[in-house]
Amino acid sequence: MWHRGRPDHLARHPVHLTFRARKGLASLRSPRLFAVVLEIITGVAQRPDCRIVQFSVQDDHLHLIVEADDAGAVSSGARGFAIRVARAVNRILGRSGPVWDSGITGATSRPRPRRGGRSSMSWRTG
């Protein structure tokens, strides 16, 4: 039996992307790697079709909240970001090969219905 596909992306709904690094790499929060990751996030954050509005850098993975015009913009923005970070990490560490453990995982973050007069989800974009 086939599973249901993801719903169509709507520009008004942010997308949560996760990039998990391979085991054995230096921490993404180390001063050398964090500086280059932050530089790339800052550069990519202002793409007109796919904007990074929040991020979290962990030891072995990254979380991004992006707003995009359509699903194609999410896909191309995520791929471009992953490639830029992987090349920079490999350059700094003097290595080659894959940086990311698996494909990029993403989920549309749609606000849930209000209950008890309080919103269960909020996004700060500025």
PDB file of N, CA and C in Angstrom:
ATOM      1  N   MET A   1       0.840  -1.174   0.000  1.00  0.00           N
ATOM      2  CA  MET A   1       0.000   0.000   0.000  1.00  0.00           C
ATOM      3  C   MET A   1       0.889   1.242   0.000  1.00  0.00           C
ATOM      4  N   TRP A   2       0.540   2.200  -0.793  1.00  0.00           N
ATOM      5  CA  TRP A   2       1.307   3.430  -0.922  1.00  0.00           C
ATOM      6  C   TRP A   2       1.018   4.354   0.244  1.00  0.00           C
ATOM      7  N   HIS A   3       2.053   5.071   0.670  1.00  0.00           N
ATOM      8  CA  HIS A   3       1.830   6.069   1.705  1.00  0.00           C
ATOM      9  C   HIS A   3       1.389   7.376   1.059  1.00  0.00           C
ATOM     10  N   ARG A   4       0.790   8.216   1.863  1.00  0.00           N
ATOM     11  CA  ARG A   4       0.355   9.513   1.339  1.00  0.00           C
ATOM     12  C   ARG A   4       1.569  10.398   1.119  1.00  0.00           C
ATOM     13  N   GLY A   5       1.566  11.142   0.036  1.00  0.00           N
ATOM     14  CA  GLY A   5       2.644  12.073  -0.249  1.00  0.00           C
ATOM     15  C   GLY A   5       2.541  13.307   0.632  1.00  0.00           C
ATOM     16  N   ARG A   6       3.598  14.076   0.638  1.00  0.00           N
ATOM     17  CA  ARG A   6       3.569  15.320   1.386  1.00  0.00           C
ATOM     18  C   ARG A   6       2.592  16.278   0.746  1.00  0.00           C
ATOM     19  N   PRO A   7       1.949  17.116   1.548  1.00  0.00           N
ATOM     20  CA  PRO A   7       1.054  18.112   0.963  1.00  0.00           C
ATOM     21  C   PRO A   7       1.866  19.148   0.189  1.00  0.00           C
ATOM     22  N   ASP A   8       1.220  19.825  -0.743  1.00  0.00           N
ATOM     23  CA  ASP A   8       1.888  20.877  -1.507  1.00  0.00           C
ATOM     24  C   ASP A   8       2.419  21.945  -0.564  1.00  0.00           C
ATOM     25  N   HIS A   9       3.582  22.485  -0.911  1.00  0.00           N
ATOM     26  CA  HIS A   9       4.168  23.545  -0.100  1.00  0.00           C
ATOM     27  C   HIS A   9       3.419  24.851  -0.347  1.00  0.00           C
ATOM     28  N   LEU A  10       3.095  25.531   0.730  1.00  0.00           N
ATOM     29  CA  LEU A  10       2.490  26.850   0.639  1.00  0.00           C
ATOM     30  C   LEU A  10       3.500  27.858   1.164  1.00  0.00           C
ATOM     31  N   ALA A  11       3.668  28.963   0.442  1.00  0.00           N
ATOM     32  CA  ALA A  11       4.683  29.949   0.796  1.00  0.00           C
ATOM     33  C   ALA A  11       4.504  30.498   2.209  1.00  0.00           C
ATOM     34  N   ARG A  12       3.299  30.505   2.713  1.00  0.00           N
ATOM     35  CA  ARG A  12       3.073  31.089   4.045  1.00  0.00           C
ATOM     36  C   ARG A  12       3.469  30.141   5.187  1.00  0.00           C
ATOM     37  N   HIS A  13       3.845  28.899   4.866  1.00  0.00           N
ATOM     38  CA  HIS A  13       4.242  27.940   5.891  1.00  0.00           C
ATOM     39  C   HIS A  13       5.748  27.725   5.869  1.00  0.00           C
ATOM     40  N   PRO A  14       6.441  28.006   6.972  1.00  0.00           N
ATOM     41  CA  PRO A  14       7.884  27.761   7.021  1.00  0.00           C
ATOM     42  C   PRO A  14       8.181  26.259   6.959  1.00  0.00           C
ATOM     43  N   VAL A  15       9.408  25.930   6.602  1.00  0.00           N
ATOM     44  CA  VAL A  15       9.840  24.539   6.498  1.00  0.00           C
ATOM     45  C   VAL A  15      11.024  24.334   7.435  1.00  0.00           C
ATOM     46  N   HIS A  16      10.989  23.240   8.205  1.00  0.00           N
ATOM     47  CA  HIS A  16      12.077  22.887   9.108  1.00  0.00           C
ATOM     48  C   HIS A  16      12.954  21.858   8.401  1.00  0.00           C
ATOM     49  N   LEU A  17      14.224  22.206   8.180  1.00  0.00           N
ATOM     50  CA  LEU A  17      15.178  21.312   7.530  1.00  0.00           C
ATOM     51  C   LEU A  17      16.228  20.866   8.539  1.00  0.00           C
ATOM     52  N   THR A  18      16.625  19.617   8.463  1.00  0.00           N
ATOM     53  CA  THR A  18      17.676  19.086   9.328  1.00  0.00           C
ATOM     54  C   THR A  18      18.768  18.479   8.459  1.00  0.00           C
ATOM     55  N   PHE A  19      20.006  18.832   8.769  1.00  0.00           N
ATOM     56  CA  PHE A  19      21.184  18.311   8.081  1.00  0.00           C
ATOM     57  C   PHE A  19      22.023  17.599   9.137  1.00  0.00           C
ATOM     58  N   ARG A  20      22.178  16.275   9.040  1.00  0.00           N
ATOM     59  CA  ARG A  20      22.924  15.501  10.036  1.00  0.00           C
ATOM     60  C   ARG A  20      24.299  15.153   9.470  1.00  0.00           C
ATOM     61  N   ALA A  21      25.360  15.528  10.219  1.00  0.00           N
ATOM     62  CA  ALA A  21      26.735  15.277   9.789  1.00  0.00           C
ATOM     63  C   ALA A  21      27.118  13.822  10.046  1.00  0.00           C
ATOM     64  N   ARG A  22      28.065  13.337   9.269  1.00  0.00           N
ATOM     65  CA  ARG A  22      28.564  11.977   9.446  1.00  0.00           C
ATOM     66  C   ARG A  22      29.321  11.850  10.761  1.00  0.00           C
ATOM     67  N   LYS A  23      29.296  10.654  11.297  1.00  0.00           N
ATOM     68  CA  LYS A  23      30.056  10.373  12.529  1.00  0.00           C
ATOM     69  C   LYS A  23      31.545  10.537  12.243  1.00  0.00           C
ATOM     70  N   GLY A  24      32.265  11.027  13.247  1.00  0.00           N
ATOM     71  CA  GLY A  24      33.709  11.168  13.119  1.00  0.00           C
ATOM     72  C   GLY A  24      34.167  12.550  12.686  1.00  0.00           C
ATOM     73  N   LEU A  25      33.255  13.405  12.245  1.00  0.00           N
ATOM     74  CA  LEU A  25      33.643  14.769  11.882  1.00  0.00           C
ATOM     75  C   LEU A  25      33.805  15.607  13.144  1.00  0.00           C
ATOM     76  N   ALA A  26      34.609  16.649  13.042  1.00  0.00           N
ATOM     77  CA  ALA A  26      34.735  17.588  14.148  1.00  0.00           C
ATOM     78  C   ALA A  26      33.374  18.243  14.401  1.00  0.00           C
ATOM     79  N   SER A  27      33.189  18.753  15.592  1.00  0.00           N
ATOM     80  CA  SER A  27      31.933  19.402  15.953  1.00  0.00           C
ATOM     81  C   SER A  27      31.674  20.605  15.046  1.00  0.00           C
ATOM     82  N   LEU A  28      30.446  20.719  14.571  1.00  0.00           N
ATOM     83  CA  LEU A  28      30.065  21.878  13.767  1.00  0.00           C
ATOM     84  C   LEU A  28      30.075  23.159  14.602  1.00  0.00           C
ATOM     85  N   ARG A  29      30.131  23.006  15.927  1.00  0.00           N
ATOM     86  CA  ARG A  29      30.182  24.158  16.822  1.00  0.00           C
ATOM     87  C   ARG A  29      31.612  24.552  17.182  1.00  0.00           C
ATOM     88  N   SER A  30      32.602  23.820  16.676  1.00  0.00           N
ATOM     89  CA  SER A  30      33.988  24.207  16.939  1.00  0.00           C
ATOM     90  C   SER A  30      34.222  25.573  16.294  1.00  0.00           C
ATOM     91  N   PRO A  31      35.120  26.369  16.843  1.00  0.00           N
ATOM     92  CA  PRO A  31      35.309  27.730  16.311  1.00  0.00           C
ATOM     93  C   PRO A  31      35.580  27.779  14.803  1.00  0.00           C
ATOM     94  N   ARG A  32      36.405  26.866  14.309  1.00  0.00           N
ATOM     95  CA  ARG A  32      36.733  26.879  12.871  1.00  0.00           C
ATOM     96  C   ARG A  32      35.505  26.610  12.009  1.00  0.00           C
ATOM     97  N   LEU A  33      34.755  25.574  12.360  1.00  0.00           N
ATOM     98  CA  LEU A  33      33.614  25.194  11.536  1.00  0.00           C
ATOM     99  C   LEU A  33      32.414  26.116  11.748  1.00  0.00           C
ATOM    100  N   PHE A  34      32.175  26.529  12.989  1.00  0.00           N
ATOM    101  CA  PHE A  34      31.031  27.398  13.250  1.00  0.00           C
ATOM    102  C   PHE A  34      31.148  28.700  12.467  1.00  0.00           C
ATOM    103  N   ALA A  35      32.357  29.266  12.401  1.00  0.00           N
ATOM    104  CA  ALA A  35      32.550  30.526  11.678  1.00  0.00           C
ATOM    105  C   ALA A  35      32.160  30.390  10.213  1.00  0.00           C
ATOM    106  N   VAL A  36      32.569  29.308   9.576  1.00  0.00           N
ATOM    107  CA  VAL A  36      32.256  29.140   8.154  1.00  0.00           C
ATOM    108  C   VAL A  36      30.781  28.787   7.954  1.00  0.00           C
ATOM    109  N   VAL A  37      30.200  27.995   8.849  1.00  0.00           N
ATOM    110  CA  VAL A  37      28.773  27.672   8.744  1.00  0.00           C
ATOM    111  C   VAL A  37      27.958  28.950   8.887  1.00  0.00           C
ATOM    112  N   LEU A  38      28.303  29.788   9.859  1.00  0.00           N
ATOM    113  CA  LEU A  38      27.589  31.047  10.059  1.00  0.00           C
ATOM    114  C   LEU A  38      27.723  31.962   8.842  1.00  0.00           C
ATOM    115  N   GLU A  39      28.888  32.001   8.257  1.00  0.00           N
ATOM    116  CA  GLU A  39      29.106  32.822   7.054  1.00  0.00           C
ATOM    117  C   GLU A  39      28.207  32.344   5.907  1.00  0.00           C
ATOM    118  N   ILE A  40      28.108  31.049   5.729  1.00  0.00           N
ATOM    119  CA  ILE A  40      27.265  30.505   4.660  1.00  0.00           C
ATOM    120  C   ILE A  40      25.793  30.754   4.962  1.00  0.00           C
ATOM    121  N   ILE A  41      25.379  30.555   6.209  1.00  0.00           N
ATOM    122  CA  ILE A  41      23.983  30.828   6.580  1.00  0.00           C
ATOM    123  C   ILE A  41      23.648  32.277   6.300  1.00  0.00           C
ATOM    124  N   THR A  42      24.533  33.188   6.673  1.00  0.00           N
ATOM    125  CA  THR A  42      24.296  34.608   6.447  1.00  0.00           C
ATOM    126  C   THR A  42      24.167  34.924   4.964  1.00  0.00           C
ATOM    127  N   GLY A  43      25.003  34.290   4.150  1.00  0.00           N
ATOM    128  CA  GLY A  43      24.941  34.521   2.710  1.00  0.00           C
ATOM    129  C   GLY A  43      23.694  33.953   2.064  1.00  0.00           C
ATOM    130  N   VAL A  44      23.298  32.764   2.496  1.00  0.00           N
ATOM    131  CA  VAL A  44      22.140  32.097   1.906  1.00  0.00           C
ATOM    132  C   VAL A  44      20.833  32.680   2.451  1.00  0.00           C
ATOM    133  N   ALA A  45      20.890  33.269   3.630  1.00  0.00           N
ATOM    134  CA  ALA A  45      19.673  33.739   4.305  1.00  0.00           C
ATOM    135  C   ALA A  45      18.897  34.750   3.472  1.00  0.00           C
ATOM    136  N   GLN A  46      19.560  35.440   2.582  1.00  0.00           N
ATOM    137  CA  GLN A  46      18.913  36.511   1.837  1.00  0.00           C
ATOM    138  C   GLN A  46      18.547  36.155   0.402  1.00  0.00           C
ATOM    139  N   ARG A  47      18.559  34.872   0.075  1.00  0.00           N
ATOM    140  CA  ARG A  47      18.099  34.472  -1.262  1.00  0.00           C
ATOM    141  C   ARG A  47      16.675  34.971  -1.445  1.00  0.00           C
ATOM    142  N   PRO A  48      16.343  35.487  -2.608  1.00  0.00           N
ATOM    143  CA  PRO A  48      14.989  36.024  -2.781  1.00  0.00           C
ATOM    144  C   PRO A  48      13.895  34.961  -2.768  1.00  0.00           C
ATOM    145  N   ASP A  49      14.210  33.729  -3.161  1.00  0.00           N
ATOM    146  CA  ASP A  49      13.168  32.701  -3.254  1.00  0.00           C
ATOM    147  C   ASP A  49      13.147  31.725  -2.083  1.00  0.00           C
ATOM    148  N   CYS A  50      14.208  31.707  -1.262  1.00  0.00           N
ATOM    149  CA  CYS A  50      14.301  30.768  -0.128  1.00  0.00           C
ATOM    150  C   CYS A  50      15.147  31.426   0.954  1.00  0.00           C
ATOM    151  N   ARG A  51      14.516  31.838   2.039  1.00  0.00           N
ATOM    152  CA  ARG A  51      15.184  32.597   3.084  1.00  0.00           C
ATOM    153  C   ARG A  51      15.308  31.786   4.371  1.00  0.00           C
ATOM    154  N   ILE A  52      16.494  31.809   4.973  1.00  0.00           N
ATOM    155  CA  ILE A  52      16.692  31.186   6.281  1.00  0.00           C
ATOM    156  C   ILE A  52      16.277  32.212   7.325  1.00  0.00           C
ATOM    157  N   VAL A  53      15.272  31.868   8.126  1.00  0.00           N
ATOM    158  CA  VAL A  53      14.779  32.819   9.117  1.00  0.00           C
ATOM    159  C   VAL A  53      15.219  32.468  10.534  1.00  0.00           C
ATOM    160  N   GLN A  54      15.550  31.208  10.779  1.00  0.00           N
ATOM    161  CA  GLN A  54      16.097  30.776  12.065  1.00  0.00           C
ATOM    162  C   GLN A  54      17.021  29.592  11.814  1.00  0.00           C
ATOM    163  N   PHE A  55      17.989  29.420  12.715  1.00  0.00           N
ATOM    164  CA  PHE A  55      18.885  28.280  12.581  1.00  0.00           C
ATOM    165  C   PHE A  55      19.406  27.876  13.946  1.00  0.00           C
ATOM    166  N   SER A  56      19.874  26.649  14.028  1.00  0.00           N
ATOM    167  CA  SER A  56      20.511  26.128  15.226  1.00  0.00           C
ATOM    168  C   SER A  56      21.644  25.211  14.785  1.00  0.00           C
ATOM    169  N   VAL A  57      22.852  25.504  15.258  1.00  0.00           N
ATOM    170  CA  VAL A  57      24.016  24.685  14.943  1.00  0.00           C
ATOM    171  C   VAL A  57      24.310  23.818  16.160  1.00  0.00           C
ATOM    172  N   GLN A  58      24.251  22.513  15.994  1.00  0.00           N
ATOM    173  CA  GLN A  58      24.546  21.556  17.057  1.00  0.00           C
ATOM    174  C   GLN A  58      25.876  20.872  16.729  1.00  0.00           C
ATOM    175  N   ASP A  59      26.359  20.045  17.635  1.00  0.00           N
ATOM    176  CA  ASP A  59      27.644  19.374  17.407  1.00  0.00           C
ATOM    177  C   ASP A  59      27.662  18.577  16.116  1.00  0.00           C
ATOM    178  N   ASP A  60      26.585  17.820  15.859  1.00  0.00           N
ATOM    179  CA  ASP A  60      26.587  16.916  14.716  1.00  0.00           C
ATOM    180  C   ASP A  60      25.430  17.136  13.743  1.00  0.00           C
ATOM    181  N   HIS A  61      24.705  18.232  13.881  1.00  0.00           N
ATOM    182  CA  HIS A  61      23.638  18.515  12.922  1.00  0.00           C
ATOM    183  C   HIS A  61      23.239  19.979  12.957  1.00  0.00           C
ATOM    184  N   LEU A  62      22.525  20.381  11.922  1.00  0.00           N
ATOM    185  CA  LEU A  62      22.024  21.753  11.787  1.00  0.00           C
ATOM    186  C   LEU A  62      20.517  21.713  11.638  1.00  0.00           C
ATOM    187  N   HIS A  63      19.851  22.696  12.200  1.00  0.00           N
ATOM    188  CA  HIS A  63      18.421  22.886  11.971  1.00  0.00           C
ATOM    189  C   HIS A  63      18.249  24.247  11.309  1.00  0.00           C
ATOM    190  N   LEU A  64      17.455  24.294  10.260  1.00  0.00           N
ATOM    191  CA  LEU A  64      17.121  25.560   9.607  1.00  0.00           C
ATOM    192  C   LEU A  64      15.615  25.680   9.517  1.00  0.00           C
ATOM    193  N   ILE A  65      15.113  26.875   9.747  1.00  0.00           N
ATOM    194  CA  ILE A  65      13.725  27.201   9.446  1.00  0.00           C
ATOM    195  C   ILE A  65      13.794  28.124   8.236  1.00  0.00           C
ATOM    196  N   VAL A  66      13.186  27.693   7.145  1.00  0.00           N
ATOM    197  CA  VAL A  66      13.240  28.474   5.915  1.00  0.00           C
ATOM    198  C   VAL A  66      11.833  28.828   5.454  1.00  0.00           C
ATOM    199  N   GLU A  67      11.751  29.957   4.804  1.00  0.00           N
ATOM    200  CA  GLU A  67      10.538  30.366   4.112  1.00  0.00           C
ATOM    201  C   GLU A  67      10.878  30.375   2.636  1.00  0.00           C
ATOM    202  N   ALA A  68      10.020  29.783   1.829  1.00  0.00           N
ATOM    203  CA  ALA A  68      10.312  29.675   0.407  1.00  0.00           C
ATOM    204  C   ALA A  68       9.061  29.919  -0.410  1.00  0.00           C
ATOM    205  N   ASP A  69       9.265  30.369  -1.642  1.00  0.00           N
ATOM    206  CA  ASP A  69       8.148  30.655  -2.538  1.00  0.00           C
ATOM    207  C   ASP A  69       7.409  29.396  -2.962  1.00  0.00           C
ATOM    208  N   ASP A  70       8.152  28.296  -3.151  1.00  0.00           N
ATOM    209  CA  ASP A  70       7.524  27.051  -3.588  1.00  0.00           C
ATOM    210  C   ASP A  70       8.443  25.881  -3.248  1.00  0.00           C
ATOM    211  N   ALA A  71       7.972  24.673  -3.508  1.00  0.00           N
ATOM    212  CA  ALA A  71       8.735  23.468  -3.166  1.00  0.00           C
ATOM    213  C   ALA A  71      10.061  23.404  -3.919  1.00  0.00           C
ATOM    214  N   GLY A  72      10.083  23.878  -5.154  1.00  0.00           N
ATOM    215  CA  GLY A  72      11.333  23.884  -5.922  1.00  0.00           C
ATOM    216  C   GLY A  72      12.377  24.781  -5.288  1.00  0.00           C
ATOM    217  N   ALA A  73      11.949  25.911  -4.742  1.00  0.00           N
ATOM    218  CA  ALA A  73      12.882  26.825  -4.079  1.00  0.00           C
ATOM    219  C   ALA A  73      13.427  26.205  -2.794  1.00  0.00           C
ATOM    220  N   VAL A  74      12.586  25.474  -2.056  1.00  0.00           N
ATOM    221  CA  VAL A  74      13.054  24.784  -0.853  1.00  0.00           C
ATOM    222  C   VAL A  74      14.110  23.761  -1.249  1.00  0.00           C
ATOM    223  N   SER A  75      13.818  22.965  -2.268  1.00  0.00           N
ATOM    224  CA  SER A  75      14.722  21.910  -2.700  1.00  0.00           C
ATOM    225  C   SER A  75      16.059  22.468  -3.187  1.00  0.00           C
ATOM    226  N   SER A  76      16.024  23.453  -4.069  1.00  0.00           N
ATOM    227  CA  SER A  76      17.277  23.990  -4.609  1.00  0.00           C
ATOM    228  C   SER A  76      18.050  24.756  -3.541  1.00  0.00           C
ATOM    229  N   GLY A  77      17.351  25.472  -2.666  1.00  0.00           N
ATOM    230  CA  GLY A  77      18.029  26.186  -1.590  1.00  0.00           C
ATOM    231  C   GLY A  77      18.702  25.233  -0.623  1.00  0.00           C
ATOM    232  N   ALA A  78      18.025  24.151  -0.256  1.00  0.00           N
ATOM    233  CA  ALA A  78      18.592  23.164   0.667  1.00  0.00           C
ATOM    234  C   ALA A  78      19.797  22.464   0.044  1.00  0.00           C
ATOM    235  N   ARG A  79      19.672  22.083  -1.227  1.00  0.00           N
ATOM    236  CA  ARG A  79      20.793  21.423  -1.906  1.00  0.00           C
ATOM    237  C   ARG A  79      21.999  22.348  -1.986  1.00  0.00           C
ATOM    238  N   GLY A  80      21.763  23.595  -2.391  1.00  0.00           N
ATOM    239  CA  GLY A  80      22.863  24.556  -2.498  1.00  0.00           C
ATOM    240  C   GLY A  80      23.540  24.802  -1.168  1.00  0.00           C
ATOM    241  N   PHE A  81      22.745  24.933  -0.108  1.00  0.00           N
ATOM    242  CA  PHE A  81      23.287  25.136   1.231  1.00  0.00           C
ATOM    243  C   PHE A  81      24.128  23.930   1.649  1.00  0.00           C
ATOM    244  N   ALA A  82      23.594  22.730   1.467  1.00  0.00           N
ATOM    245  CA  ALA A  82      24.300  21.510   1.863  1.00  0.00           C
ATOM    246  C   ALA A  82      25.636  21.384   1.134  1.00  0.00           C
ATOM    247  N   ILE A  83      25.651  21.691  -0.139  1.00  0.00           N
ATOM    248  CA  ILE A  83      26.884  21.594  -0.929  1.00  0.00           C
ATOM    249  C   ILE A  83      27.904  22.618  -0.462  1.00  0.00           C
ATOM    250  N   ARG A  84      27.474  23.863  -0.248  1.00  0.00           N
ATOM    251  CA  ARG A  84      28.406  24.916   0.187  1.00  0.00           C
ATOM    252  C   ARG A  84      29.029  24.578   1.538  1.00  0.00           C
ATOM    253  N   VAL A  85      28.201  24.116   2.481  1.00  0.00           N
ATOM    254  CA  VAL A  85      28.734  23.774   3.804  1.00  0.00           C
ATOM    255  C   VAL A  85      29.671  22.573   3.692  1.00  0.00           C
ATOM    256  N   ALA A  86      29.295  21.555   2.941  1.00  0.00           N
ATOM    257  CA  ALA A  86      30.138  20.365   2.808  1.00  0.00           C
ATOM    258  C   ALA A  86      31.499  20.717   2.208  1.00  0.00           C
ATOM    259  N   ARG A  87      31.510  21.521   1.194  1.00  0.00           N
ATOM    260  CA  ARG A  87      32.797  21.911   0.585  1.00  0.00           C
ATOM    261  C   ARG A  87      33.654  22.695   1.566  1.00  0.00           C
ATOM    262  N   ALA A  88      33.028  23.615   2.302  1.00  0.00           N
ATOM    263  CA  ALA A  88      33.779  24.421   3.268  1.00  0.00           C
ATOM    264  C   ALA A  88      34.321  23.552   4.401  1.00  0.00           C
ATOM    265  N   VAL A  89      33.506  22.649   4.929  1.00  0.00           N
ATOM    266  CA  VAL A  89      33.942  21.756   6.007  1.00  0.00           C
ATOM    267  C   VAL A  89      35.113  20.898   5.519  1.00  0.00           C
ATOM    268  N   ASN A  90      34.986  20.322   4.345  1.00  0.00           N
ATOM    269  CA  ASN A  90      36.074  19.494   3.807  1.00  0.00           C
ATOM    270  C   ASN A  90      37.344  20.309   3.601  1.00  0.00           C
ATOM    271  N   ARG A  91      37.213  21.526   3.118  1.00  0.00           N
ATOM    272  CA  ARG A  91      38.381  22.389   2.908  1.00  0.00           C
ATOM    273  C   ARG A  91      39.079  22.682   4.244  1.00  0.00           C
ATOM    274  N   ILE A  92      38.314  23.046   5.263  1.00  0.00           N
ATOM    275  CA  ILE A  92      38.884  23.399   6.567  1.00  0.00           C
ATOM    276  C   ILE A  92      39.523  22.184   7.237  1.00  0.00           C
ATOM    277  N   LEU A  93      38.891  21.038   7.126  1.00  0.00           N
ATOM    278  CA  LEU A  93      39.404  19.832   7.779  1.00  0.00           C
ATOM    279  C   LEU A  93      40.437  19.087   6.936  1.00  0.00           C
ATOM    280  N   GLY A  94      40.678  19.567   5.712  1.00  0.00           N
ATOM    281  CA  GLY A  94      41.658  18.915   4.848  1.00  0.00           C
ATOM    282  C   GLY A  94      41.263  17.500   4.472  1.00  0.00           C
ATOM    283  N   ARG A  95      40.006  17.302   4.205  1.00  0.00           N
ATOM    284  CA  ARG A  95      39.500  15.967   3.874  1.00  0.00           C
ATOM    285  C   ARG A  95      38.648  16.055   2.625  1.00  0.00           C
ATOM    286  N   SER A  96      38.210  14.911   2.144  1.00  0.00           N
ATOM    287  CA  SER A  96      37.269  14.857   1.031  1.00  0.00           C
ATOM    288  C   SER A  96      36.208  13.822   1.370  1.00  0.00           C
ATOM    289  N   GLY A  97      35.164  13.816   0.590  1.00  0.00           N
ATOM    290  CA  GLY A  97      34.112  12.836   0.806  1.00  0.00           C
ATOM    291  C   GLY A  97      32.869  13.459   1.396  1.00  0.00           C
ATOM    292  N   PRO A  98      31.864  12.635   1.620  1.00  0.00           N
ATOM    293  CA  PRO A  98      30.585  13.141   2.121  1.00  0.00           C
ATOM    294  C   PRO A  98      30.705  13.730   3.526  1.00  0.00           C
ATOM    295  N   VAL A  99      29.949  14.784   3.764  1.00  0.00           N
ATOM    296  CA  VAL A  99      29.870  15.411   5.081  1.00  0.00           C
ATOM    297  C   VAL A  99      28.551  15.044   5.745  1.00  0.00           C
ATOM    298  N   TRP A 100      27.496  14.959   4.945  1.00  0.00           N
ATOM    299  CA  TRP A 100      26.161  14.704   5.497  1.00  0.00           C
ATOM    300  C   TRP A 100      25.882  13.208   5.531  1.00  0.00           C
ATOM    301  N   ASP A 101      25.293  12.765   6.644  1.00  0.00           N
ATOM    302  CA  ASP A 101      25.036  11.349   6.888  1.00  0.00           C
ATOM    303  C   ASP A 101      23.981  10.779   5.949  1.00  0.00           C
ATOM    304  N   SER A 102      22.957  11.535   5.691  1.00  0.00           N
ATOM    305  CA  SER A 102      21.880  11.054   4.834  1.00  0.00           C
ATOM    306  C   SER A 102      21.277  12.252   4.125  1.00  0.00           C
ATOM    307  N   GLY A 103      20.215  12.011   3.424  1.00  0.00           N
ATOM    308  CA  GLY A 103      19.545  13.109   2.743  1.00  0.00           C
ATOM    309  C   GLY A 103      19.031  14.139   3.734  1.00  0.00           C
ATOM    310  N   ILE A 104      18.709  15.271   3.224  1.00  0.00           N
ATOM    311  CA  ILE A 104      18.158  16.355   4.025  1.00  0.00           C
ATOM    312  C   ILE A 104      16.750  15.960   4.443  1.00  0.00           C
ATOM    313  N   THR A 105      16.439  16.118   5.709  1.00  0.00           N
ATOM    314  CA  THR A 105      15.073  15.845   6.140  1.00  0.00           C
ATOM    315  C   THR A 105      14.360  17.172   6.346  1.00  0.00           C
ATOM    316  N   GLY A 106      13.115  17.200   5.958  1.00  0.00           N
ATOM    317  CA  GLY A 106      12.358  18.435   6.092  1.00  0.00           C
ATOM    318  C   GLY A 106      10.908  18.170   6.380  1.00  0.00           C
ATOM    319  N   ALA A 107      10.295  19.117   7.033  1.00  0.00           N
ATOM    320  CA  ALA A 107       8.871  19.021   7.336  1.00  0.00           C
ATOM    321  C   ALA A 107       8.273  20.411   7.306  1.00  0.00           C
ATOM    322  N   THR A 108       7.115  20.522   6.688  1.00  0.00           N
ATOM    323  CA  THR A 108       6.423  21.792   6.682  1.00  0.00           C
ATOM    324  C   THR A 108       5.889  22.055   8.072  1.00  0.00           C
ATOM    325  N   SER A 109       6.144  23.236   8.555  1.00  0.00           N
ATOM    326  CA  SER A 109       5.691  23.611   9.894  1.00  0.00           C
ATOM    327  C   SER A 109       4.411  24.407   9.769  1.00  0.00           C
ATOM    328  N   ARG A 110       3.328  23.717   9.909  1.00  0.00           N
ATOM    329  CA  ARG A 110       2.024  24.371   9.803  1.00  0.00           C
ATOM    330  C   ARG A 110       1.477  24.615  11.193  1.00  0.00           C
ATOM    331  N   PRO A 111       1.010  25.818  11.433  1.00  0.00           N
ATOM    332  CA  PRO A 111       0.445  26.087  12.752  1.00  0.00           C
ATOM    333  C   PRO A 111      -0.731  25.169  13.036  1.00  0.00           C
ATOM    334  N   ARG A 112      -0.811  24.700  14.260  1.00  0.00           N
ATOM    335  CA  ARG A 112      -1.906  23.836  14.673  1.00  0.00           C
ATOM    336  C   ARG A 112      -3.105  24.686  15.062  1.00  0.00           C
ATOM    337  N   PRO A 113      -4.259  24.081  15.080  1.00  0.00           N
ATOM    338  CA  PRO A 113      -5.439  24.842  15.499  1.00  0.00           C
ATOM    339  C   PRO A 113      -5.266  25.369  16.916  1.00  0.00           C
ATOM    340  N   ARG A 114      -5.860  26.519  17.169  1.00  0.00           N
ATOM    341  CA  ARG A 114      -5.764  27.123  18.495  1.00  0.00           C
ATOM    342  C   ARG A 114      -6.612  26.333  19.484  1.00  0.00           C
ATOM    343  N   ARG A 115      -6.062  26.175  20.679  1.00  0.00           N
ATOM    344  CA  ARG A 115      -6.787  25.487  21.741  1.00  0.00           C
ATOM    345  C   ARG A 115      -6.631  26.292  23.015  1.00  0.00           C
ATOM    346  N   GLY A 116      -7.700  26.490  23.705  1.00  0.00           N
ATOM    347  CA  GLY A 116      -7.633  27.191  24.976  1.00  0.00           C
ATOM    348  C   GLY A 116      -7.186  28.633  24.853  1.00  0.00           C
ATOM    349  N   GLY A 117      -7.387  29.232  23.697  1.00  0.00           N
ATOM    350  CA  GLY A 117      -7.032  30.638  23.519  1.00  0.00           C
ATOM    351  C   GLY A 117      -5.555  30.904  23.315  1.00  0.00           C
ATOM    352  N   ARG A 118      -4.740  29.850  23.170  1.00  0.00           N
ATOM    353  CA  ARG A 118      -3.308  30.053  22.970  1.00  0.00           C
ATOM    354  C   ARG A 118      -2.857  29.339  21.712  1.00  0.00           C
ATOM    355  N   SER A 119      -1.976  29.971  20.971  1.00  0.00           N
ATOM    356  CA  SER A 119      -1.432  29.341  19.780  1.00  0.00           C
ATOM    357  C   SER A 119      -0.383  28.328  20.202  1.00  0.00           C
ATOM    358  N   SER A 120      -0.384  27.160  19.575  1.00  0.00           N
ATOM    359  CA  SER A 120       0.572  26.124  19.941  1.00  0.00           C
ATOM    360  C   SER A 120       1.897  26.267  19.204  1.00  0.00           C
ATOM    361  N   MET A 121       1.993  27.205  18.270  1.00  0.00           N
ATOM    362  CA  MET A 121       3.227  27.375  17.529  1.00  0.00           C
ATOM    363  C   MET A 121       3.371  28.836  17.138  1.00  0.00           C
ATOM    364  N   SER A 122       4.552  29.370  17.263  1.00  0.00           N
ATOM    365  CA  SER A 122       4.772  30.732  16.802  1.00  0.00           C
ATOM    366  C   SER A 122       6.165  30.808  16.196  1.00  0.00           C
ATOM    367  N   TRP A 123       6.349  31.690  15.269  1.00  0.00           N
ATOM    368  CA  TRP A 123       7.633  31.863  14.592  1.00  0.00           C
ATOM    369  C   TRP A 123       8.042  33.316  14.725  1.00  0.00           C
ATOM    370  N   ARG A 124       9.287  33.514  15.087  1.00  0.00           N
ATOM    371  CA  ARG A 124       9.827  34.865  15.136  1.00  0.00           C
ATOM    372  C   ARG A 124      10.753  35.010  13.947  1.00  0.00           C
ATOM    373  N   THR A 125      10.520  35.972  13.116  1.00  0.00           N
ATOM    374  CA  THR A 125      11.316  36.102  11.894  1.00  0.00           C
ATOM    375  C   THR A 125      12.220  37.323  11.909  1.00  0.00           C
ATOM    376  N   GLY A 126      12.286  38.017  12.956  1.00  0.00           N
ATOM    377  CA  GLY A 126      13.149  39.208  12.906  1.00  0.00           C
ATOM    378  C   GLY A 126      13.717  39.617  14.165  1.00  0.00           C
TER     379      GLY A 126
END
